[in-house]
Amino acid sequence: MGEIAVLREGSGPQVLLVHGGAGPRTTWRGLAPLAERWTLATVHRRGYPPSPPPPGGQDYETDARDIAPLLAGRPHVVAHSYGVLGTLIAVAAAPGGVASLTLIEPPLNYLAADDPDVAHLQRIGDAVLSHGMDADPSELREFLRLAGAPIGDGPIPARVAAGVRRAQGARLPSQARPDLDAIAGAGIPVLVASGDHAVAHERICDALAGVLGGERGVCAGAGHFVPAAPGFAETLEGFLRENLDGGPRRRPPSR
């Protein structure tokens, strides 16, 4: 399939950045100052130039295969939204391959499946990924707003529509079941972050932090694009410094 592109800048310990449905530049714009002290290795998932297109639609299983070899240097890994799914699958297969994990608003809806807000988010998300621009207009707009897309009351901007078409046909997040027990059992330091803009995301992140025995961070002000929120870069850097390679690893959560 050809290798994906990983663009590196800065110096210091490596931080591997895995974006979701939005491109890397949009997702990680708030982390640029960290390049003064860290090597930011920005993954471009398939379908996001300069990486090649995916063999089919967007697929977290393909993402996992692409990410796996990037763990060879035991980086700190920061993943956002759909990008969390492939990241967790890759890390669960080799949990000793990361120094720490930061997971931002992942679509792991099954962790809080009984919550009505989470069930609603899953339903409209599956509808948009399945039908694209032909999804119910009100559900499409609701999902795009939750996903942080810049839309108003007028026509959906061409750039946003192109992103919807790119995502159409993706492997549905509702099918993902990463081996969280393998990650929890390895004692990997984990930070789960959210933006305090949607109840469903908060509930999912609470549940994920509980399963992984991770820290919980909330940085409001940028919606779904939590990495751009005030204070997130500082929160992330503090977490990374606490878990520099070679430092003590946390105990797995008690069962």
Protein backbone atom coordinates (compact mmCIF):
# COMPACT_ATOMS: atom_id res chain seq x y z
CA MET A 1 0.00 0.00 0.00
CA GLY A 2 2.98 2.30 0.41
CA GLU A 3 4.07 3.96 3.60
CA ILE A 4 2.27 6.87 5.18
CA ALA A 5 3.96 10.24 5.67
CA VAL A 6 5.22 11.31 9.08
CA LEU A 7 6.52 14.87 9.24
CA ARG A 8 8.88 15.74 12.08
CA GLU A 9 9.82 19.09 13.58
CA GLY A 10 11.50 20.21 16.77
CA SER A 11 13.97 18.47 19.03
CA GLY A 12 13.78 16.41 22.19
CA PRO A 13 11.77 13.30 23.12
CA GLN A 14 9.44 12.13 20.35
CA VAL A 15 5.70 12.80 20.49
CA LEU A 16 3.74 10.91 17.82
CA LEU A 17 0.58 12.79 16.80
CA VAL A 18 -2.26 10.78 15.22
CA HIS A 19 -5.14 12.89 13.87
CA GLY A 20 -8.71 11.81 13.26
CA GLY A 21 -11.21 12.95 10.63
CA ALA A 22 -9.80 16.46 10.39
CA GLY A 23 -6.35 17.00 8.91
CA PRO A 24 -3.18 17.29 10.99
CA ARG A 25 -2.80 21.05 10.58
CA THR A 26 -6.30 21.74 11.90
CA THR A 27 -6.04 19.18 14.68
CA TRP A 28 -2.62 20.05 16.11
CA ARG A 29 -2.39 23.81 15.52
CA GLY A 30 -2.31 24.48 19.26
CA LEU A 31 0.76 22.32 19.90
CA ALA A 32 3.30 24.16 17.73
CA PRO A 33 5.10 25.75 20.73
CA LEU A 34 6.01 22.28 22.04
CA ALA A 35 8.43 21.82 19.13
CA GLU A 36 10.92 23.94 21.08
CA ARG A 37 11.34 21.07 23.56
CA TRP A 38 9.89 17.96 21.87
CA THR A 39 10.13 16.28 18.49
CA LEU A 40 6.60 16.42 17.08
CA ALA A 41 6.13 13.52 14.66
CA THR A 42 2.90 14.27 12.82
CA VAL A 43 1.22 11.28 11.20
CA HIS A 44 -0.77 11.86 8.02
CA ARG A 45 -3.35 9.09 7.86
CA ARG A 46 -4.15 7.57 4.47
CA GLY A 47 -6.22 9.94 2.37
CA TYR A 48 -4.46 13.00 3.84
CA PRO A 49 -1.62 14.18 1.57
CA PRO A 50 1.25 13.60 1.33
CA SER A 51 0.19 10.10 2.42
CA PRO A 52 -1.34 7.83 -0.24
CA PRO A 53 -5.08 7.13 -0.37
CA PRO A 54 -6.49 4.20 1.61
CA PRO A 55 -7.13 0.96 -0.29
CA GLY A 56 -10.84 1.35 0.46
CA GLY A 57 -12.51 3.80 2.79
CA GLN A 58 -11.07 5.17 6.02
CA ASP A 59 -10.33 2.21 8.25
CA TYR A 60 -8.95 2.10 11.78
CA GLU A 61 -7.61 -1.42 11.14
CA THR A 62 -5.47 -0.01 8.32
CA ASP A 63 -4.45 2.84 10.62
CA ALA A 64 -3.30 0.31 13.21
CA ARG A 65 -1.05 -1.44 10.69
CA ASP A 66 0.42 1.92 9.68
CA ILE A 67 0.99 3.04 13.26
CA ALA A 68 2.54 -0.20 14.54
CA PRO A 69 6.03 0.32 13.03
CA LEU A 70 6.06 3.93 14.26
CA LEU A 71 6.14 2.68 17.86
CA ALA A 72 9.66 1.27 17.44
CA GLY A 73 11.25 4.25 19.17
CA ARG A 74 8.83 4.07 22.15
CA PRO A 75 7.33 7.53 21.61
CA HIS A 76 4.76 9.37 23.61
CA VAL A 77 1.55 9.05 21.55
CA VAL A 78 -1.21 11.64 21.31
CA ALA A 79 -4.30 10.63 19.32
CA HIS A 80 -7.52 12.47 18.47
CA SER A 81 -11.04 11.27 17.64
CA TYR A 82 -11.14 8.51 14.96
CA GLY A 83 -7.34 8.33 15.14
CA VAL A 84 -7.61 6.95 18.68
CA LEU A 85 -9.12 3.70 17.38
CA GLY A 86 -6.18 2.60 15.23
CA THR A 87 -3.78 3.86 17.88
CA LEU A 88 -5.33 1.70 20.60
CA ILE A 89 -5.33 -1.38 18.38
CA ALA A 90 -1.64 -0.90 17.55
CA VAL A 91 -0.66 -0.21 21.16
CA ALA A 92 -2.66 -3.16 22.51
CA ALA A 93 -0.66 -5.46 20.20
CA ALA A 94 2.65 -4.13 21.58
CA PRO A 95 1.91 -2.27 24.84
CA GLY A 96 5.58 -1.87 25.65
CA GLY A 97 6.00 0.30 22.56
CA VAL A 98 4.85 3.61 24.02
CA ALA A 99 6.10 5.85 26.80
CA SER A 100 2.63 7.32 27.38
CA LEU A 101 -0.79 7.67 25.76
CA THR A 102 -2.92 10.81 25.46
CA LEU A 103 -6.39 10.06 24.07
CA ILE A 104 -8.68 12.90 23.02
CA GLU A 105 -12.47 12.49 22.60
CA PRO A 106 -12.46 9.03 20.96
CA PRO A 107 -15.66 7.54 19.47
CA LEU A 108 -15.63 4.56 21.83
CA ASN A 109 -19.36 4.77 22.34
CA TYR A 110 -19.72 1.20 23.59
CA LEU A 111 -18.03 2.19 26.86
CA ALA A 112 -21.16 4.16 27.81
CA ALA A 113 -23.72 2.47 25.58
CA ASP A 114 -26.56 2.84 28.10
CA ASP A 115 -26.25 6.61 28.15
CA PRO A 116 -28.89 8.22 25.87
CA ASP A 117 -26.58 11.06 24.78
CA VAL A 118 -23.88 8.58 23.80
CA ALA A 119 -26.39 6.38 21.96
CA HIS A 120 -27.59 9.43 20.03
CA LEU A 121 -24.03 10.44 19.11
CA GLN A 122 -23.34 6.93 17.84
CA ARG A 123 -26.52 6.87 15.77
CA ILE A 124 -25.92 10.16 13.98
CA GLY A 125 -22.21 9.43 13.57
CA ASP A 126 -22.91 6.05 11.95
CA ALA A 127 -25.50 7.70 9.69
CA VAL A 128 -23.08 10.36 8.45
CA LEU A 129 -20.24 7.88 7.89
CA SER A 130 -22.63 5.57 6.04
CA HIS A 131 -24.53 8.11 3.91
CA GLY A 132 -22.27 11.15 3.76
CA MET A 133 -23.91 14.26 2.37
CA ASP A 134 -27.11 12.24 1.79
CA ALA A 135 -27.62 11.79 5.54
CA ASP A 136 -30.58 13.48 7.19
CA PRO A 137 -29.74 17.22 6.92
CA SER A 138 -30.46 18.01 10.58
CA GLU A 139 -28.43 15.03 11.80
CA LEU A 140 -25.59 15.89 9.42
CA ARG A 141 -25.39 19.44 10.76
CA GLU A 142 -25.61 18.29 14.36
CA PHE A 143 -22.80 15.79 13.86
CA LEU A 144 -20.60 18.31 12.03
CA ARG A 145 -21.03 20.84 14.83
CA LEU A 146 -20.11 18.20 17.43
CA ALA A 147 -17.10 17.31 15.29
CA GLY A 148 -15.97 20.95 15.28
CA ALA A 149 -16.66 21.70 11.60
CA PRO A 150 -16.98 25.43 10.79
CA ILE A 151 -20.58 25.56 9.62
CA GLY A 152 -23.31 28.13 10.09
CA ASP A 153 -26.94 28.17 9.02
CA GLY A 154 -26.15 28.51 5.32
CA PRO A 155 -24.86 25.95 2.83
CA ILE A 156 -22.21 23.57 4.12
CA PRO A 157 -18.81 24.90 2.99
CA ALA A 158 -17.15 23.01 0.14
CA ARG A 159 -14.14 22.12 2.28
CA VAL A 160 -16.39 20.59 4.95
CA ALA A 161 -18.43 18.71 2.33
CA ALA A 162 -15.21 17.29 0.89
CA GLY A 163 -14.30 16.00 4.34
CA VAL A 164 -17.71 14.35 4.69
CA ARG A 165 -17.27 12.61 1.34
CA ARG A 166 -13.79 11.45 2.33
CA ALA A 167 -15.17 9.93 5.53
CA GLN A 168 -18.16 8.25 3.85
CA GLY A 169 -17.76 4.50 3.84
CA ALA A 170 -15.31 4.45 6.73
CA ARG A 171 -15.25 1.43 9.02
CA LEU A 172 -17.75 2.44 11.70
CA PRO A 173 -16.35 3.30 15.14
CA SER A 174 -19.26 1.40 16.69
CA GLN A 175 -17.57 -1.80 15.48
CA ALA A 176 -14.26 -1.09 17.25
CA ARG A 177 -13.34 -3.12 20.30
CA PRO A 178 -9.67 -2.43 21.07
CA ASP A 179 -8.10 -4.61 23.75
CA LEU A 180 -8.17 -2.09 26.56
CA ASP A 181 -7.30 -4.75 29.14
CA ALA A 182 -3.93 -5.29 27.45
CA ILE A 183 -3.18 -1.58 27.69
CA ALA A 184 -4.41 -1.27 31.27
CA GLY A 185 -2.44 -4.34 32.31
CA ALA A 186 0.78 -2.94 30.89
CA GLY A 187 0.67 0.06 33.24
CA ILE A 188 1.00 2.62 30.44
CA PRO A 189 0.57 6.19 31.70
CA VAL A 190 -2.66 7.50 30.15
CA LEU A 191 -4.26 10.93 29.90
CA VAL A 192 -7.83 11.11 28.58
CA ALA A 193 -8.82 14.62 27.51
CA SER A 194 -12.07 16.28 26.46
CA GLY A 195 -13.36 19.75 25.69
CA ASP A 196 -16.48 20.08 27.89
CA HIS A 197 -18.67 20.85 24.85
CA ALA A 198 -20.80 17.69 24.58
CA VAL A 199 -22.18 15.46 27.33
CA ALA A 200 -21.60 12.31 25.26
CA HIS A 201 -17.88 12.98 24.87
CA GLU A 202 -17.50 13.66 28.57
CA ARG A 203 -19.21 10.39 29.50
CA ILE A 204 -17.11 8.36 27.05
CA CYS A 205 -13.89 9.95 28.29
CA ASP A 206 -14.84 9.36 31.93
CA ALA A 207 -15.48 5.70 31.16
CA LEU A 208 -12.25 5.29 29.18
CA ALA A 209 -10.15 6.85 31.92
CA GLY A 210 -11.75 4.50 34.40
CA VAL A 211 -11.03 1.38 32.33
CA LEU A 212 -7.42 2.37 31.69
CA GLY A 213 -6.75 3.81 35.14
CA GLY A 214 -5.78 7.05 33.43
CA GLU A 215 -5.69 10.70 34.36
CA ARG A 216 -8.59 12.87 33.24
CA GLY A 217 -8.18 16.30 31.70
CA VAL A 218 -10.83 18.81 30.57
CA CYS A 219 -9.82 21.85 28.51
CA ALA A 220 -12.74 23.90 27.24
CA GLY A 221 -12.83 26.58 24.58
CA ALA A 222 -12.16 24.82 21.27
CA GLY A 223 -14.96 22.27 21.05
CA HIS A 224 -13.90 18.92 19.64
CA PHE A 225 -10.47 20.34 18.73
CA VAL A 226 -9.28 20.06 22.30
CA PRO A 227 -5.56 20.40 21.37
CA ALA A 228 -6.27 24.04 20.43
CA ALA A 229 -8.05 24.84 23.71
CA PRO A 230 -6.49 27.25 26.20
CA GLY A 231 -4.29 25.35 28.61
CA PHE A 232 -4.19 22.06 26.73
CA ALA A 233 -0.60 22.37 25.50
CA GLU A 234 0.53 23.09 29.07
CA THR A 235 -1.52 20.19 30.45
CA LEU A 236 -0.09 17.84 27.85
CA GLU A 237 3.48 18.95 28.42
CA GLY A 238 3.14 18.51 32.17
CA PHE A 239 1.85 14.97 31.62
CA LEU A 240 4.68 14.18 29.20
CA ARG A 241 7.32 15.46 31.60
CA GLU A 242 5.91 13.31 34.39
CA ASN A 243 6.31 10.28 32.17
CA LEU A 244 9.60 10.79 30.38
CA ASP A 245 11.01 7.53 29.06
CA GLY A 246 12.75 5.65 31.82
CA GLY A 247 10.54 7.04 34.56
CA PRO A 248 8.33 4.92 36.80
CA ARG A 249 5.32 3.27 35.19
CA ARG A 250 1.99 3.41 36.95
CA ARG A 251 0.30 0.40 38.47
CA PRO A 252 -2.52 -1.16 36.45
CA PRO A 253 -6.03 -0.31 37.71
CA SER A 254 -7.41 -2.75 40.24
CA ARG A 255 -10.15 -5.07 38.97
